[in-house]
Protein backbone atom coordinates (compact mmCIF):
# COMPACT_ATOMS: atom_id res chain seq x y z
CA UNK A 1 46.41 61.04 -0.30
CA UNK A 2 47.91 57.72 0.65
CA UNK A 3 46.97 54.75 -1.49
CA UNK A 4 45.03 56.75 -4.11
CA UNK A 5 45.98 57.26 -7.77
CA UNK A 6 48.12 60.30 -8.45
CA UNK A 7 46.62 63.18 -10.36
CA UNK A 8 48.04 64.29 -13.70
CA UNK A 9 50.90 66.76 -13.59
CA UNK A 10 49.68 70.36 -13.80
CA UNK A 11 46.03 69.42 -13.16
CA UNK A 12 44.18 72.67 -12.56
CA UNK A 13 41.03 73.41 -10.60
CA UNK A 14 38.49 76.16 -10.19
CA UNK A 15 36.53 76.83 -7.01
CA UNK A 16 33.23 78.66 -7.44
CA UNK A 17 33.21 81.37 -4.76
CA UNK A 18 31.14 84.21 -6.25
CA UNK A 19 27.64 83.33 -4.99
CA UNK A 20 25.49 85.36 -2.61
CA UNK A 21 24.74 82.52 -0.17
CA UNK A 22 21.13 83.66 0.14
CA UNK A 23 19.94 80.60 2.10
CA UNK A 24 22.54 81.28 4.78
CA UNK A 25 21.57 84.91 5.36
CA UNK A 26 22.00 86.92 7.55
CA UNK A 27 25.33 85.13 8.15
CA UNK A 28 26.44 85.72 4.57
CA UNK A 29 25.76 89.43 4.92
CA UNK A 30 28.77 89.37 7.26
CA UNK A 31 31.03 86.88 5.46
CA UNK A 32 30.81 85.26 2.02
CA UNK A 33 29.92 81.59 2.30
CA UNK A 34 33.42 80.27 1.40
CA UNK A 35 34.76 82.09 4.48
CA UNK A 36 32.22 80.96 7.07
CA UNK A 37 34.26 79.30 9.83
CA UNK A 38 34.30 75.56 10.16
CA UNK A 39 36.14 74.56 13.33
CA UNK A 40 37.59 78.08 13.33
CA UNK A 41 39.00 77.87 9.78
CA UNK A 42 37.43 79.25 6.58
CA UNK A 43 35.27 76.64 4.85
CA UNK A 44 37.09 77.02 1.52
CA UNK A 45 40.41 76.26 3.24
CA UNK A 46 39.39 72.59 3.45
CA UNK A 47 38.76 72.44 -0.30
CA UNK A 48 42.15 74.03 -0.97
CA UNK A 49 43.75 71.53 1.41
CA UNK A 50 42.02 68.64 -0.37
CA UNK A 51 43.32 69.83 -3.73
CA UNK A 52 46.82 70.49 -2.43
CA UNK A 53 47.09 67.07 -0.80
CA UNK A 54 46.09 65.51 -4.12
CA UNK A 55 48.89 67.35 -5.92
CA UNK A 56 46.92 70.20 -7.49
CA UNK A 57 49.12 73.29 -7.50
CA UNK A 58 47.13 75.99 -9.32
CA UNK A 59 43.56 76.96 -8.45
CA UNK A 60 41.28 79.69 -9.79
CA UNK A 61 38.59 81.33 -7.64
CA UNK A 62 35.86 83.54 -9.03
CA UNK A 63 34.76 86.41 -6.81
CA UNK A 64 31.75 88.70 -6.58
CA UNK A 65 29.82 88.91 -3.29
CA UNK A 66 32.22 90.25 -0.64
CA UNK A 67 35.02 89.04 -2.88
CA UNK A 68 37.59 91.38 -1.36
CA UNK A 69 37.21 89.54 1.96
CA UNK A 70 37.97 86.20 0.27
CA UNK A 71 41.08 87.54 -1.44
CA UNK A 72 42.26 89.16 1.79
CA UNK A 73 41.77 85.93 3.76
CA UNK A 74 43.38 83.56 1.25
CA UNK A 75 46.08 85.74 -0.28
CA UNK A 76 48.14 84.03 -2.94
CA UNK A 77 47.19 80.59 -1.61
CA UNK A 78 50.65 79.69 -0.32
CA UNK A 79 49.32 79.05 3.19
CA UNK A 80 47.23 76.24 1.66
CA UNK A 81 49.88 74.78 -0.62
CA UNK A 82 48.43 76.17 -3.87
CA UNK A 83 48.74 79.22 -6.10
CA UNK A 84 45.46 81.12 -6.47
CA UNK A 85 44.38 83.09 -9.52
CA UNK A 86 41.37 85.32 -8.85
CA UNK A 87 38.64 86.17 -11.32
CA UNK A 88 36.74 89.30 -10.27
CA UNK A 89 33.23 89.31 -11.74
CA UNK A 90 31.63 92.77 -11.88
CA UNK A 91 28.30 91.04 -12.53
CA UNK A 92 27.77 87.51 -11.32
CA UNK A 93 28.25 85.12 -14.24
CA UNK A 94 26.93 81.84 -12.86
CA UNK A 95 28.75 78.52 -12.92
CA UNK A 96 29.05 78.39 -16.70
CA UNK A 97 29.89 82.04 -17.23
CA UNK A 98 32.47 81.93 -14.47
CA UNK A 99 34.19 78.95 -16.08
CA UNK A 100 34.14 80.54 -19.53
CA UNK A 101 35.79 83.67 -18.16
CA UNK A 102 38.68 81.47 -16.97
CA UNK A 103 38.94 79.46 -20.18
CA UNK A 104 42.52 80.53 -20.89
CA UNK A 105 43.56 79.19 -17.47
CA UNK A 106 41.58 75.92 -17.62
CA UNK A 107 41.77 75.03 -21.33
CA UNK A 108 43.98 72.30 -22.75
CA UNK A 109 43.42 69.32 -20.45
CA UNK A 110 41.22 67.78 -17.77
CA UNK A 111 40.29 70.22 -15.00
CA UNK A 112 38.26 70.20 -11.79
CA UNK A 113 35.35 72.45 -10.88
CA UNK A 114 34.22 72.58 -7.24
CA UNK A 115 31.49 74.52 -5.47
CA UNK A 116 32.90 76.77 -2.77
CA UNK A 117 30.17 76.00 -0.22
CA UNK A 118 30.62 72.26 0.23
CA UNK A 119 32.79 70.06 2.40
CA UNK A 120 33.85 66.78 0.82
CA UNK A 121 36.39 64.03 1.24
CA UNK A 122 36.24 62.81 -2.36
CA UNK A 123 39.43 61.13 -3.59
CA UNK A 124 40.64 63.45 -6.34
CA UNK A 125 43.05 60.89 -7.80
CA UNK A 126 40.37 58.21 -8.11
CA UNK A 127 37.92 60.71 -9.59
CA UNK A 128 40.33 61.77 -12.33
CA UNK A 129 41.31 58.16 -13.07
CA UNK A 130 37.62 57.16 -13.32
CA UNK A 131 36.82 60.15 -15.53
CA UNK A 132 39.69 59.51 -17.93
CA UNK A 133 39.18 55.76 -17.95
CA UNK A 134 35.71 56.32 -19.38
CA UNK A 135 36.95 58.96 -21.82
CA UNK A 136 34.19 61.17 -20.47
CA UNK A 137 33.62 64.75 -21.53
CA UNK A 138 32.35 65.42 -18.03
CA UNK A 139 32.01 63.52 -14.75
CA UNK A 140 29.82 64.57 -11.85
CA UNK A 141 30.54 63.38 -8.33
CA UNK A 142 27.27 61.99 -6.96
CA UNK A 143 25.95 60.17 -3.91
CA UNK A 144 22.82 58.15 -3.20
CA UNK A 145 19.70 60.28 -3.13
CA UNK A 146 18.22 60.35 0.38
CA UNK A 147 14.47 60.35 0.91
CA UNK A 148 12.67 63.62 1.62
CA UNK A 149 15.44 65.88 0.37
CA UNK A 150 15.36 69.02 -1.70
CA UNK A 151 18.11 67.97 -4.11
CA UNK A 152 17.44 67.41 -7.80
CA UNK A 153 17.17 63.66 -8.48
CA UNK A 154 19.58 62.34 -11.10
CA UNK A 155 20.00 58.82 -12.48
CA UNK A 156 23.15 56.78 -13.14
CA UNK A 157 23.14 53.42 -14.89
CA UNK A 158 25.21 50.31 -14.18
CA UNK A 159 27.96 51.52 -16.52
CA UNK A 160 28.42 54.67 -14.46
CA UNK A 161 26.80 56.94 -17.03
CA UNK A 162 24.60 59.88 -16.12
CA UNK A 163 21.40 58.94 -17.98
CA UNK A 164 18.73 61.01 -16.16
CA UNK A 165 19.59 64.68 -15.84
CA UNK A 166 16.90 67.28 -15.33
CA UNK A 167 14.60 67.03 -18.38
CA UNK A 168 16.96 64.73 -20.32
CA UNK A 169 16.40 60.96 -20.37
CA UNK A 170 18.55 58.57 -22.37
CA UNK A 171 18.59 54.78 -22.43
CA UNK A 172 20.73 53.33 -19.68
CA UNK A 173 22.03 49.83 -19.02
CA UNK A 174 20.52 47.84 -16.18
CA UNK A 175 19.01 49.35 -13.09
CA UNK A 176 19.00 53.14 -12.86
CA UNK A 177 20.21 54.36 -9.49
CA UNK A 178 18.77 57.61 -8.07
CA UNK A 179 21.60 59.93 -7.07
CA UNK A 180 22.28 63.58 -6.29
CA UNK A 181 25.05 65.95 -7.39
CA UNK A 182 27.74 66.74 -4.81
CA UNK A 183 29.21 69.95 -6.22
CA UNK A 184 32.37 68.49 -7.81
CA UNK A 185 33.06 67.97 -11.53
CA UNK A 186 35.92 66.61 -13.62
CA UNK A 187 35.71 68.23 -17.05
CA UNK A 188 37.34 68.21 -20.45
CA UNK A 189 37.80 71.38 -22.53
CA UNK A 190 34.92 70.16 -24.73
CA UNK A 191 32.61 71.76 -22.17
CA UNK A 192 33.55 75.20 -23.49
CA UNK A 193 31.85 74.35 -26.82
CA UNK A 194 28.50 74.14 -25.01
CA UNK A 195 28.61 77.46 -23.18
CA UNK A 196 28.10 81.02 -24.46
CA UNK A 197 31.30 83.00 -24.92
CA UNK A 198 30.19 85.78 -22.56
CA UNK A 199 27.51 86.57 -20.03
CA UNK A 200 25.62 84.52 -17.46
CA UNK A 201 25.41 80.76 -17.94
CA UNK A 202 24.70 77.63 -15.90
CA UNK A 203 27.04 74.73 -16.58
CA UNK A 204 24.42 72.17 -15.52
CA UNK A 205 21.39 73.54 -17.33
CA UNK A 206 23.25 74.46 -20.50
CA UNK A 207 26.42 72.42 -20.97
CA UNK A 208 25.41 69.12 -19.34
CA UNK A 209 21.98 69.02 -20.96
CA UNK A 210 23.48 69.71 -24.40
CA UNK A 211 26.35 67.22 -23.99
CA UNK A 212 24.03 64.38 -22.97
CA UNK A 213 21.63 65.16 -25.83
CA UNK A 214 24.53 65.05 -28.30
CA UNK A 215 25.62 61.64 -27.04
CA UNK A 216 28.87 62.61 -25.38
CA UNK A 217 30.08 60.40 -22.56
CA UNK A 218 28.90 62.02 -19.32
CA UNK A 219 29.79 59.95 -16.27
CA UNK A 220 28.75 59.78 -12.63
CA UNK A 221 31.35 59.05 -9.95
CA UNK A 222 29.68 57.61 -6.85
CA UNK A 223 31.18 58.80 -3.57
CA UNK A 224 29.50 57.84 -0.30
CA UNK A 225 32.08 59.41 2.01
CA UNK A 226 31.43 62.35 4.35
CA UNK A 227 29.86 65.30 2.55
CA UNK A 228 28.19 68.48 3.70
CA UNK A 229 26.33 71.24 1.88
CA UNK A 230 26.55 74.20 4.25
CA UNK A 231 23.78 76.13 2.55
CA UNK A 232 21.47 76.77 5.52
CA UNK A 233 22.09 77.63 9.19
CA UNK A 234 21.00 74.15 10.43
CA UNK A 235 23.22 72.42 7.83
CA UNK A 236 26.13 74.72 8.66
CA UNK A 237 25.81 74.08 12.38
CA UNK A 238 25.40 70.34 11.85
CA UNK A 239 28.65 70.13 9.87
CA UNK A 240 30.59 71.87 12.62
CA UNK A 241 29.13 69.70 15.37
CA UNK A 242 29.41 66.41 13.46
CA UNK A 243 33.11 66.94 12.83
CA UNK A 244 33.86 68.27 16.32
CA UNK A 245 32.13 65.27 17.92
CA UNK A 246 33.85 62.74 15.66
CA UNK A 247 30.58 61.66 14.02
CA UNK A 248 32.11 62.57 10.65
CA UNK A 249 35.77 62.31 9.68
CA UNK A 250 37.49 64.04 6.78
CA UNK A 251 41.15 63.45 6.03
CA UNK A 252 41.92 67.15 5.52
CA UNK A 253 40.37 68.14 8.87
CA UNK A 254 42.80 67.85 11.75
CA UNK A 255 40.92 67.81 15.05
CA UNK A 256 42.52 69.53 18.03
CA UNK A 257 43.35 67.61 21.17
CA UNK A 258 40.37 66.53 23.25
CA UNK A 259 38.00 66.82 20.25
CA UNK A 260 36.20 63.87 18.69
CA UNK A 261 33.81 63.24 21.58
CA UNK A 262 30.12 63.96 22.10
CA UNK A 263 30.98 66.54 24.77
CA UNK A 264 33.88 68.21 22.92
CA UNK A 265 34.67 71.91 23.05
CA UNK A 266 36.88 74.00 20.78
CA UNK A 267 37.91 77.36 22.20
CA UNK A 268 40.08 79.81 20.29
CA UNK A 269 42.64 82.30 21.52
CA UNK A 270 42.05 85.37 23.68
CA UNK A 271 38.54 84.35 24.76
CA UNK A 272 37.05 86.11 27.78
CA UNK A 273 34.85 83.88 29.95
CA UNK A 274 32.70 85.59 32.59
CA UNK A 275 32.29 84.05 36.00
CA UNK A 276 29.87 81.12 36.01
CA UNK A 277 29.62 80.87 32.21
CA UNK A 278 28.94 77.32 31.04
CA UNK A 279 29.94 75.79 27.72
CA UNK A 280 28.91 72.43 26.36
CA UNK A 281 28.30 70.03 25.04
CA UNK A 282 29.66 70.73 21.55
CA UNK A 283 30.53 74.41 21.44
CA UNK A 284 33.01 76.06 19.07
CA UNK A 285 34.30 79.48 20.15
CA UNK A 286 36.35 81.62 17.77
CA UNK A 287 39.30 83.82 18.66
CA UNK A 288 38.60 86.99 20.61
CA UNK A 289 35.09 86.10 21.76
CA UNK A 290 33.56 87.44 24.97
CA UNK A 291 31.10 85.29 26.93
CA UNK A 292 29.26 87.11 29.70
CA UNK A 293 28.85 86.15 33.32
CA UNK A 294 26.50 83.19 33.82
CA UNK A 295 25.87 82.64 30.10
CA UNK A 296 25.06 79.10 29.00
CA UNK A 297 25.81 77.69 25.55
CA UNK A 298 25.32 74.24 24.07
CA UNK A 299 25.54 73.00 20.47
CA UNK A 300 26.64 76.43 19.27
CA UNK A 301 29.19 78.03 16.97
CA UNK A 302 30.60 81.47 17.85
CA UNK A 303 32.40 83.31 15.09
CA UNK A 304 35.63 85.16 15.97
CA UNK A 305 35.05 88.38 17.87
CA UNK A 306 31.49 87.49 18.88
CA UNK A 307 29.94 88.44 22.20
CA UNK A 308 27.31 86.78 24.40
CA UNK A 309 25.48 88.84 26.99
CA UNK A 310 25.60 87.99 30.67
CA UNK A 311 22.96 85.47 31.64
CA UNK A 312 22.08 84.57 28.05
CA UNK A 313 21.21 80.99 27.16
CA UNK A 314 21.61 79.63 23.64
CA UNK A 315 21.12 76.15 22.22
CA UNK A 316 21.69 75.14 18.59
CA UNK A 317 22.61 78.64 17.49
CA UNK A 318 25.21 80.39 15.36
CA UNK A 319 26.46 83.63 16.91
CA UNK A 320 28.23 86.04 14.56
CA UNK A 321 29.25 89.29 16.24
CA UNK A 322 26.09 90.18 18.13
CA UNK A 323 23.83 88.43 15.62
CA UNK A 324 22.24 85.23 16.88
CA UNK A 325 20.79 82.86 14.27
CA UNK A 326 18.74 79.90 15.47
CA UNK A 327 19.85 76.72 13.75
CA UNK A 328 17.22 74.27 14.90
CA UNK A 329 16.54 71.44 12.49
CA UNK A 330 13.52 72.01 10.28
């Protein structure tokens, strides 16, 4: 990433990809959330690209729900410039348990932990430099807390410390800024001392709470760049449309020609269009889709291989196979 600090040699990362994606059902009954298509590429591909561009070479992914589909889609990671090590969880272990299972891979130095269902443009080099400059045991990437949101409110002080975290409150310096967690951590191996050796664990509820209580340096890295949590159908659709239209720009997302406008279309390969079918504005069509005669689509995402019946009309919808999920804003 041009102009940003380089990451340490051999910096490793783990992407959390085992979750059920319950808020995105029924879409995640078809594909695990890390594979849902964003501009016709798997969502997790953008995280792998971000890491690769920052110089990260080795990445672990934990798998559970439809994990075989993730491994089949990503392979050894070479298509994304990384080497992937998979951790197959017979029973879901949570964020903390998943990390502990990969301790031998992550132990020894600073490492990154990233949720597999987010899209972020965070500067990895700056994050690691900030984390190490504060000699932090852990650093959470945060952003300003918007009003009327369902995210857990956190508080960072003027020194960049995380001083309000769930039920924990410690004295901070100056004004306390309300922020929210963005799904990215920089961590030191100390975190392993605050997690159970086996079984299910939550890194936030168990490790972070304990580290802050014990007075370890836990930092907050403020990033106000583009960020999406694709946890619900409306949020998933909004991310696709915002990037296609040019309303949001991420360095690792390369828009095709003619994209970046409010009336943009993205149509994959081998798409059958029936006579009189109308697309637009802002429609993304995956490879191998079939759109029936006279169908009308606007502000929609069609997954590869999907079909739309003749004469159908859809607005603000995600179409996966023959499943149509309304994605109107709540």
